[in-house]
Structures are given as C-alpha cells and as structure tokens.
Amino acid sequence: MDINQLELDVNCYAQAVYHEANTQSLEEKVGVINVIHNRVKSNRWGRDVCDVVYANGQFSVKEESHYPVDRKTYLQTKLLVLDTIVFNKHTNPVANALYFHDDSIPPKETWYGKRKIIHIGRMVFY
C-alpha cells in the first residue's frame, strides 16, 4: 500500500463526507463513504477517489459557501474513513449504491435509473 496515495484518498473521502454528511449519523456517513468507494470501483467517474470526489457536479466539495471547517470534526471524519475503508470496522449499509441525496428533495420512483436501495436517517441511497 502506497502511504502517499492512501493519504490523498483519505483526504478526498473526508472532504466529500464532511461537506455532504457532516451533521448526519455514523451510518449515513459510512453510506456516503461506500457510495464513493462504489463509484471508484465502477470507473464511471474516474480512476481514483479524488477523481470521483472532484468529478464535475458530483459532490459539494468545491462550493465556496461552506462554513469554516471544524478541525476536530474533520479529523474525526478522516478516522472514520480509515476505519471504514482500510480497517473494515463498519459494514457497508448501502450495498452497491452509486447515488444519494438528502430526503428533503422530493422522492422519485427512480433516481438516475436506479431504484432506491435504502433510506438511512435523512439520506436516501440509490
């Protein structure tokens, strides 16, 4: 395992999870981590984690309207990524989901051609 690549990957996962699900439950955050992981495996959004996270219009990591990052929470997010992806401490609650959204968006029968897999807290995964 290349430690430099691992550090880059963890940072990209953490950026996405922090900005997409920072105030959500542990299971919702793990779900987002697994969506990113599933997208990397699919090769449809890029070849690595950072390609997927920074793919145009996919995750809210580029938005300038973000509040300042809370260092402690961000570091906890990085640890969660390591526990999930490297140490397999959390099972994948979203199976092969490639998409998710907050449930404040009106429900649809399908989302990007996928059927809903699971609804965890405020997050719906497809």
N, C-alpha and C. Protein backbone atom coordinates (compact mmCIF):
# COMPACT_ATOMS: atom_id res chain seq x y z
N MET A 1 0.85 -1.18 0.00
CA MET A 1 0.00 0.00 0.00
C MET A 1 0.89 1.24 0.00
N ASP A 2 0.65 2.12 -0.94
CA ASP A 2 1.39 3.37 -1.04
C ASP A 2 0.82 4.36 -0.04
N ILE A 3 1.59 4.73 0.96
CA ILE A 3 1.12 5.60 2.04
C ILE A 3 0.74 6.99 1.53
N ASN A 4 1.45 7.50 0.53
CA ASN A 4 1.11 8.82 -0.02
C ASN A 4 -0.23 8.79 -0.73
N GLN A 5 -0.48 7.73 -1.50
CA GLN A 5 -1.77 7.61 -2.19
C GLN A 5 -2.89 7.42 -1.17
N LEU A 6 -2.63 6.64 -0.13
CA LEU A 6 -3.63 6.45 0.92
C LEU A 6 -3.99 7.78 1.57
N GLU A 7 -3.00 8.59 1.85
CA GLU A 7 -3.26 9.90 2.47
C GLU A 7 -4.10 10.78 1.55
N LEU A 8 -3.78 10.79 0.26
CA LEU A 8 -4.59 11.56 -0.70
C LEU A 8 -6.03 11.04 -0.74
N ASP A 9 -6.18 9.73 -0.81
CA ASP A 9 -7.51 9.13 -0.86
C ASP A 9 -8.32 9.48 0.38
N VAL A 10 -7.72 9.34 1.55
CA VAL A 10 -8.42 9.63 2.80
C VAL A 10 -8.86 11.09 2.83
N ASN A 11 -7.99 11.99 2.40
CA ASN A 11 -8.35 13.41 2.36
C ASN A 11 -9.53 13.66 1.43
N CYS A 12 -9.54 13.02 0.28
CA CYS A 12 -10.64 13.24 -0.67
C CYS A 12 -11.95 12.65 -0.14
N TYR A 13 -11.89 11.44 0.41
CA TYR A 13 -13.09 10.88 1.05
C TYR A 13 -13.59 11.84 2.13
N ALA A 14 -12.69 12.27 2.98
CA ALA A 14 -13.08 13.11 4.13
C ALA A 14 -13.68 14.43 3.66
N GLN A 15 -13.12 15.04 2.61
CA GLN A 15 -13.68 16.29 2.09
C GLN A 15 -15.14 16.08 1.69
N ALA A 16 -15.40 15.02 0.95
CA ALA A 16 -16.77 14.76 0.48
C ALA A 16 -17.70 14.45 1.64
N VAL A 17 -17.29 13.57 2.53
CA VAL A 17 -18.16 13.18 3.64
C VAL A 17 -18.41 14.36 4.56
N TYR A 18 -17.38 15.13 4.84
CA TYR A 18 -17.54 16.30 5.72
C TYR A 18 -18.57 17.27 5.13
N HIS A 19 -18.49 17.54 3.85
CA HIS A 19 -19.37 18.54 3.25
C HIS A 19 -20.74 17.99 2.87
N GLU A 20 -20.86 16.69 2.69
CA GLU A 20 -22.14 16.10 2.32
C GLU A 20 -22.94 15.60 3.52
N ALA A 21 -22.26 15.12 4.56
CA ALA A 21 -22.97 14.44 5.64
C ALA A 21 -22.43 14.76 7.03
N ASN A 22 -21.81 15.91 7.18
CA ASN A 22 -21.17 16.27 8.44
C ASN A 22 -22.08 16.15 9.66
N THR A 23 -23.33 16.56 9.52
CA THR A 23 -24.24 16.57 10.67
C THR A 23 -25.11 15.32 10.73
N GLN A 24 -24.84 14.37 9.86
CA GLN A 24 -25.64 13.14 9.81
C GLN A 24 -25.08 12.08 10.76
N SER A 25 -25.81 10.98 10.86
CA SER A 25 -25.42 9.88 11.75
C SER A 25 -24.19 9.14 11.21
N LEU A 26 -23.61 8.33 12.06
CA LEU A 26 -22.47 7.50 11.68
C LEU A 26 -22.83 6.63 10.48
N GLU A 27 -23.98 6.00 10.51
CA GLU A 27 -24.38 5.10 9.42
C GLU A 27 -24.56 5.85 8.11
N GLU A 28 -25.08 7.08 8.16
CA GLU A 28 -25.23 7.88 6.95
C GLU A 28 -23.85 8.24 6.38
N LYS A 29 -22.93 8.61 7.25
CA LYS A 29 -21.57 8.93 6.80
C LYS A 29 -20.91 7.71 6.17
N VAL A 30 -21.06 6.56 6.80
CA VAL A 30 -20.49 5.33 6.26
C VAL A 30 -21.13 5.02 4.90
N GLY A 31 -22.42 5.32 4.77
CA GLY A 31 -23.09 5.15 3.50
C GLY A 31 -22.47 6.01 2.41
N VAL A 32 -22.19 7.27 2.71
CA VAL A 32 -21.57 8.16 1.73
C VAL A 32 -20.17 7.66 1.37
N ILE A 33 -19.42 7.23 2.35
CA ILE A 33 -18.08 6.66 2.08
C ILE A 33 -18.21 5.49 1.10
N ASN A 34 -19.19 4.64 1.32
CA ASN A 34 -19.36 3.48 0.45
C ASN A 34 -19.86 3.84 -0.94
N VAL A 35 -20.66 4.88 -1.07
CA VAL A 35 -21.06 5.35 -2.40
C VAL A 35 -19.81 5.79 -3.17
N ILE A 36 -18.94 6.53 -2.52
CA ILE A 36 -17.69 6.96 -3.18
C ILE A 36 -16.88 5.73 -3.57
N HIS A 37 -16.74 4.80 -2.66
CA HIS A 37 -15.98 3.57 -2.93
C HIS A 37 -16.59 2.81 -4.12
N ASN A 38 -17.92 2.70 -4.14
CA ASN A 38 -18.60 2.03 -5.24
C ASN A 38 -18.36 2.74 -6.57
N ARG A 39 -18.33 4.07 -6.53
CA ARG A 39 -18.08 4.84 -7.75
C ARG A 39 -16.65 4.62 -8.25
N VAL A 40 -15.69 4.54 -7.33
CA VAL A 40 -14.31 4.27 -7.74
C VAL A 40 -14.25 2.92 -8.44
N LYS A 41 -14.89 1.92 -7.85
CA LYS A 41 -14.88 0.58 -8.45
C LYS A 41 -15.55 0.55 -9.82
N SER A 42 -16.53 1.42 -10.03
CA SER A 42 -17.26 1.42 -11.30
C SER A 42 -16.47 2.06 -12.45
N ASN A 43 -15.47 2.89 -12.13
CA ASN A 43 -14.67 3.62 -13.12
C ASN A 43 -15.48 4.59 -13.97
N ARG A 44 -16.71 4.91 -13.58
CA ARG A 44 -17.54 5.82 -14.39
C ARG A 44 -17.27 7.29 -14.09
N TRP A 45 -16.70 7.59 -12.92
CA TRP A 45 -16.45 8.98 -12.54
C TRP A 45 -14.95 9.27 -12.41
N GLY A 46 -14.13 8.30 -12.66
CA GLY A 46 -12.69 8.48 -12.56
C GLY A 46 -12.01 7.21 -12.07
N ARG A 47 -10.69 7.25 -12.05
CA ARG A 47 -9.91 6.07 -11.70
C ARG A 47 -9.55 5.97 -10.23
N ASP A 48 -9.68 7.10 -9.51
CA ASP A 48 -9.33 7.05 -8.09
C ASP A 48 -10.30 7.91 -7.28
N VAL A 49 -10.12 7.90 -5.99
CA VAL A 49 -11.04 8.57 -5.08
C VAL A 49 -11.15 10.06 -5.39
N CYS A 50 -10.04 10.72 -5.58
CA CYS A 50 -10.07 12.17 -5.83
C CYS A 50 -10.74 12.49 -7.15
N ASP A 51 -10.52 11.66 -8.19
CA ASP A 51 -11.22 11.86 -9.46
C ASP A 51 -12.73 11.81 -9.23
N VAL A 52 -13.18 10.83 -8.46
CA VAL A 52 -14.61 10.66 -8.20
C VAL A 52 -15.16 11.83 -7.39
N VAL A 53 -14.49 12.19 -6.33
CA VAL A 53 -14.97 13.25 -5.44
C VAL A 53 -15.02 14.59 -6.16
N TYR A 54 -14.03 14.87 -7.00
CA TYR A 54 -13.97 16.16 -7.69
C TYR A 54 -14.55 16.13 -9.10
N ALA A 55 -15.21 15.04 -9.47
CA ALA A 55 -15.89 14.99 -10.77
C ALA A 55 -16.93 16.11 -10.82
N ASN A 56 -17.05 16.71 -11.95
CA ASN A 56 -17.91 17.89 -12.12
C ASN A 56 -19.34 17.64 -11.63
N GLY A 57 -19.76 18.44 -10.67
CA GLY A 57 -21.14 18.42 -10.20
C GLY A 57 -21.54 17.25 -9.35
N GLN A 58 -20.61 16.47 -8.83
CA GLN A 58 -20.98 15.27 -8.10
C GLN A 58 -21.04 15.45 -6.58
N PHE A 59 -20.07 16.11 -6.00
CA PHE A 59 -20.04 16.32 -4.55
C PHE A 59 -19.83 17.80 -4.27
N SER A 60 -20.30 18.24 -3.13
CA SER A 60 -20.23 19.68 -2.82
C SER A 60 -18.92 20.07 -2.15
N VAL A 61 -17.82 19.63 -2.72
CA VAL A 61 -16.51 19.95 -2.14
C VAL A 61 -15.93 21.24 -2.70
N LYS A 62 -16.44 21.71 -3.82
CA LYS A 62 -15.90 22.91 -4.46
C LYS A 62 -16.69 24.17 -4.12
N GLU A 63 -17.82 24.03 -3.46
CA GLU A 63 -18.66 25.18 -3.17
C GLU A 63 -17.96 26.17 -2.25
N GLU A 64 -18.04 27.43 -2.59
CA GLU A 64 -17.37 28.47 -1.81
C GLU A 64 -18.21 28.91 -0.61
N SER A 65 -19.45 28.46 -0.54
CA SER A 65 -20.35 28.91 0.52
C SER A 65 -20.24 28.07 1.80
N HIS A 66 -19.29 27.16 1.85
CA HIS A 66 -19.15 26.32 3.04
C HIS A 66 -18.73 27.14 4.25
N TYR A 67 -19.24 26.72 5.38
CA TYR A 67 -18.79 27.32 6.63
C TYR A 67 -17.35 26.91 6.87
N PRO A 68 -16.62 27.62 7.72
CA PRO A 68 -15.25 27.19 8.03
C PRO A 68 -15.26 25.75 8.56
N VAL A 69 -14.26 25.00 8.18
CA VAL A 69 -14.16 23.60 8.59
C VAL A 69 -13.76 23.52 10.05
N ASP A 70 -14.49 22.70 10.81
CA ASP A 70 -14.14 22.43 12.20
C ASP A 70 -13.06 21.34 12.20
N ARG A 71 -11.87 21.68 12.65
CA ARG A 71 -10.73 20.76 12.58
C ARG A 71 -11.00 19.43 13.26
N LYS A 72 -11.54 19.48 14.47
CA LYS A 72 -11.77 18.24 15.22
C LYS A 72 -12.75 17.34 14.46
N THR A 73 -13.82 17.90 13.97
CA THR A 73 -14.81 17.11 13.24
C THR A 73 -14.22 16.56 11.95
N TYR A 74 -13.41 17.37 11.27
CA TYR A 74 -12.78 16.91 10.04
C TYR A 74 -11.82 15.75 10.32
N LEU A 75 -11.04 15.86 11.38
CA LEU A 75 -10.13 14.77 11.74
C LEU A 75 -10.90 13.50 12.12
N GLN A 76 -12.03 13.66 12.80
CA GLN A 76 -12.88 12.51 13.13
C GLN A 76 -13.41 11.86 11.85
N THR A 77 -13.71 12.69 10.87
CA THR A 77 -14.18 12.17 9.58
C THR A 77 -13.07 11.37 8.91
N LYS A 78 -11.84 11.86 8.95
CA LYS A 78 -10.72 11.12 8.37
C LYS A 78 -10.53 9.77 9.07
N LEU A 79 -10.68 9.76 10.38
CA LEU A 79 -10.57 8.49 11.12
C LEU A 79 -11.69 7.53 10.73
N LEU A 80 -12.88 8.06 10.53
CA LEU A 80 -14.00 7.23 10.10
C LEU A 80 -13.71 6.61 8.73
N VAL A 81 -13.14 7.40 7.84
CA VAL A 81 -12.77 6.87 6.52
C VAL A 81 -11.78 5.73 6.68
N LEU A 82 -10.75 5.92 7.46
CA LEU A 82 -9.76 4.86 7.68
C LEU A 82 -10.41 3.62 8.28
N ASP A 83 -11.25 3.82 9.29
CA ASP A 83 -11.93 2.69 9.93
C ASP A 83 -12.82 1.94 8.95
N THR A 84 -13.43 2.66 8.02
CA THR A 84 -14.36 2.05 7.08
C THR A 84 -13.64 1.39 5.91
N ILE A 85 -12.73 2.11 5.27
CA ILE A 85 -12.10 1.64 4.04
C ILE A 85 -10.88 0.75 4.29
N VAL A 86 -10.05 1.12 5.24
CA VAL A 86 -8.80 0.38 5.47
C VAL A 86 -8.98 -0.75 6.48
N PHE A 87 -9.64 -0.44 7.60
CA PHE A 87 -9.73 -1.41 8.69
C PHE A 87 -11.04 -2.20 8.70
N ASN A 88 -11.96 -1.89 7.78
CA ASN A 88 -13.23 -2.62 7.66
C ASN A 88 -14.00 -2.76 8.96
N LYS A 89 -14.01 -1.70 9.77
CA LYS A 89 -14.72 -1.73 11.05
C LYS A 89 -16.21 -1.49 10.90
N HIS A 90 -16.63 -1.00 9.74
CA HIS A 90 -18.04 -0.69 9.51
C HIS A 90 -18.51 -1.44 8.27
N THR A 91 -19.64 -2.13 8.40
CA THR A 91 -20.18 -2.83 7.25
C THR A 91 -20.82 -1.81 6.30
N ASN A 92 -20.92 -2.19 5.07
CA ASN A 92 -21.48 -1.33 4.04
C ASN A 92 -23.01 -1.39 4.13
N PRO A 93 -23.65 -0.29 4.56
CA PRO A 93 -25.11 -0.31 4.69
C PRO A 93 -25.86 -0.01 3.39
N VAL A 94 -25.13 0.32 2.31
CA VAL A 94 -25.79 0.78 1.09
C VAL A 94 -25.57 -0.13 -0.11
N ALA A 95 -25.01 -1.30 0.11
CA ALA A 95 -24.76 -2.28 -0.95
C ALA A 95 -24.01 -1.64 -2.11
N ASN A 96 -24.56 -1.69 -3.31
CA ASN A 96 -23.86 -1.17 -4.49
C ASN A 96 -24.36 0.21 -4.92
N ALA A 97 -24.91 0.98 -4.01
CA ALA A 97 -25.46 2.31 -4.32
C ALA A 97 -24.38 3.20 -4.93
N LEU A 98 -24.79 3.97 -5.94
CA LEU A 98 -23.89 4.92 -6.59
C LEU A 98 -24.35 6.36 -6.40
N TYR A 99 -25.54 6.54 -5.84
CA TYR A 99 -26.11 7.87 -5.67
C TYR A 99 -26.74 8.00 -4.30
N PHE A 100 -26.87 9.23 -3.85
CA PHE A 100 -27.59 9.51 -2.61
C PHE A 100 -28.06 10.95 -2.65
N HIS A 101 -29.02 11.25 -1.81
CA HIS A 101 -29.45 12.63 -1.61
C HIS A 101 -30.15 12.74 -0.27
N ASP A 102 -30.24 13.94 0.22
CA ASP A 102 -30.97 14.24 1.44
C ASP A 102 -32.46 14.07 1.15
N ASP A 103 -33.22 13.58 2.13
CA ASP A 103 -34.63 13.32 1.87
C ASP A 103 -35.49 14.58 1.80
N SER A 104 -34.87 15.75 1.92
CA SER A 104 -35.63 16.99 1.71
C SER A 104 -35.94 17.20 0.23
N ILE A 105 -35.23 16.49 -0.65
CA ILE A 105 -35.53 16.51 -2.08
C ILE A 105 -36.74 15.61 -2.30
N PRO A 106 -37.73 16.06 -3.04
CA PRO A 106 -38.93 15.23 -3.25
C PRO A 106 -38.58 13.84 -3.76
N PRO A 107 -39.26 12.82 -3.22
CA PRO A 107 -38.95 11.44 -3.62
C PRO A 107 -39.31 11.17 -5.08
N LYS A 108 -38.56 10.26 -5.67
CA LYS A 108 -38.81 9.82 -7.04
C LYS A 108 -38.86 8.30 -7.03
N GLU A 109 -39.57 7.75 -7.96
CA GLU A 109 -39.61 6.28 -8.06
C GLU A 109 -38.22 5.74 -8.39
N THR A 110 -37.52 6.43 -9.29
CA THR A 110 -36.15 6.04 -9.62
C THR A 110 -35.27 7.28 -9.56
N TRP A 111 -34.00 7.07 -9.41
CA TRP A 111 -33.03 8.14 -9.34
C TRP A 111 -31.88 7.76 -10.25
N TYR A 112 -31.70 8.51 -11.32
CA TYR A 112 -30.66 8.21 -12.31
C TYR A 112 -30.76 6.76 -12.81
N GLY A 113 -31.99 6.30 -12.98
CA GLY A 113 -32.18 4.94 -13.48
C GLY A 113 -32.03 3.86 -12.44
N LYS A 114 -31.81 4.24 -11.19
CA LYS A 114 -31.64 3.25 -10.12
C LYS A 114 -32.83 3.28 -9.19
N ARG A 115 -33.16 2.16 -8.64
CA ARG A 115 -34.20 2.09 -7.63
C ARG A 115 -33.59 2.33 -6.26
N LYS A 116 -34.41 2.87 -5.38
CA LYS A 116 -33.94 3.14 -4.01
C LYS A 116 -33.49 1.84 -3.37
N ILE A 117 -32.30 1.88 -2.76
CA ILE A 117 -31.76 0.72 -2.06
C ILE A 117 -32.11 0.80 -0.58
N ILE A 118 -31.88 1.97 0.01
CA ILE A 118 -32.13 2.11 1.45
C ILE A 118 -32.27 3.59 1.81
N HIS A 119 -33.02 3.83 2.84
CA HIS A 119 -33.22 5.18 3.40
C HIS A 119 -32.66 5.11 4.83
N ILE A 120 -31.59 5.84 5.07
CA ILE A 120 -30.96 5.84 6.39
C ILE A 120 -31.02 7.27 6.93
N GLY A 121 -31.71 7.46 8.03
CA GLY A 121 -31.83 8.81 8.58
C GLY A 121 -32.43 9.75 7.56
N ARG A 122 -31.68 10.80 7.21
CA ARG A 122 -32.13 11.78 6.21
C ARG A 122 -31.61 11.46 4.81
N MET A 123 -30.83 10.43 4.66
CA MET A 123 -30.19 10.14 3.37
C MET A 123 -30.87 8.97 2.67
N VAL A 124 -31.10 9.16 1.37
CA VAL A 124 -31.68 8.11 0.53
C VAL A 124 -30.59 7.67 -0.43
N PHE A 125 -30.37 6.37 -0.51
CA PHE A 125 -29.31 5.82 -1.34
C PHE A 125 -29.89 4.99 -2.48
N TYR A 126 -29.32 5.18 -3.69
CA TYR A 126 -29.77 4.50 -4.91
C TYR A 126 -28.63 3.74 -5.54
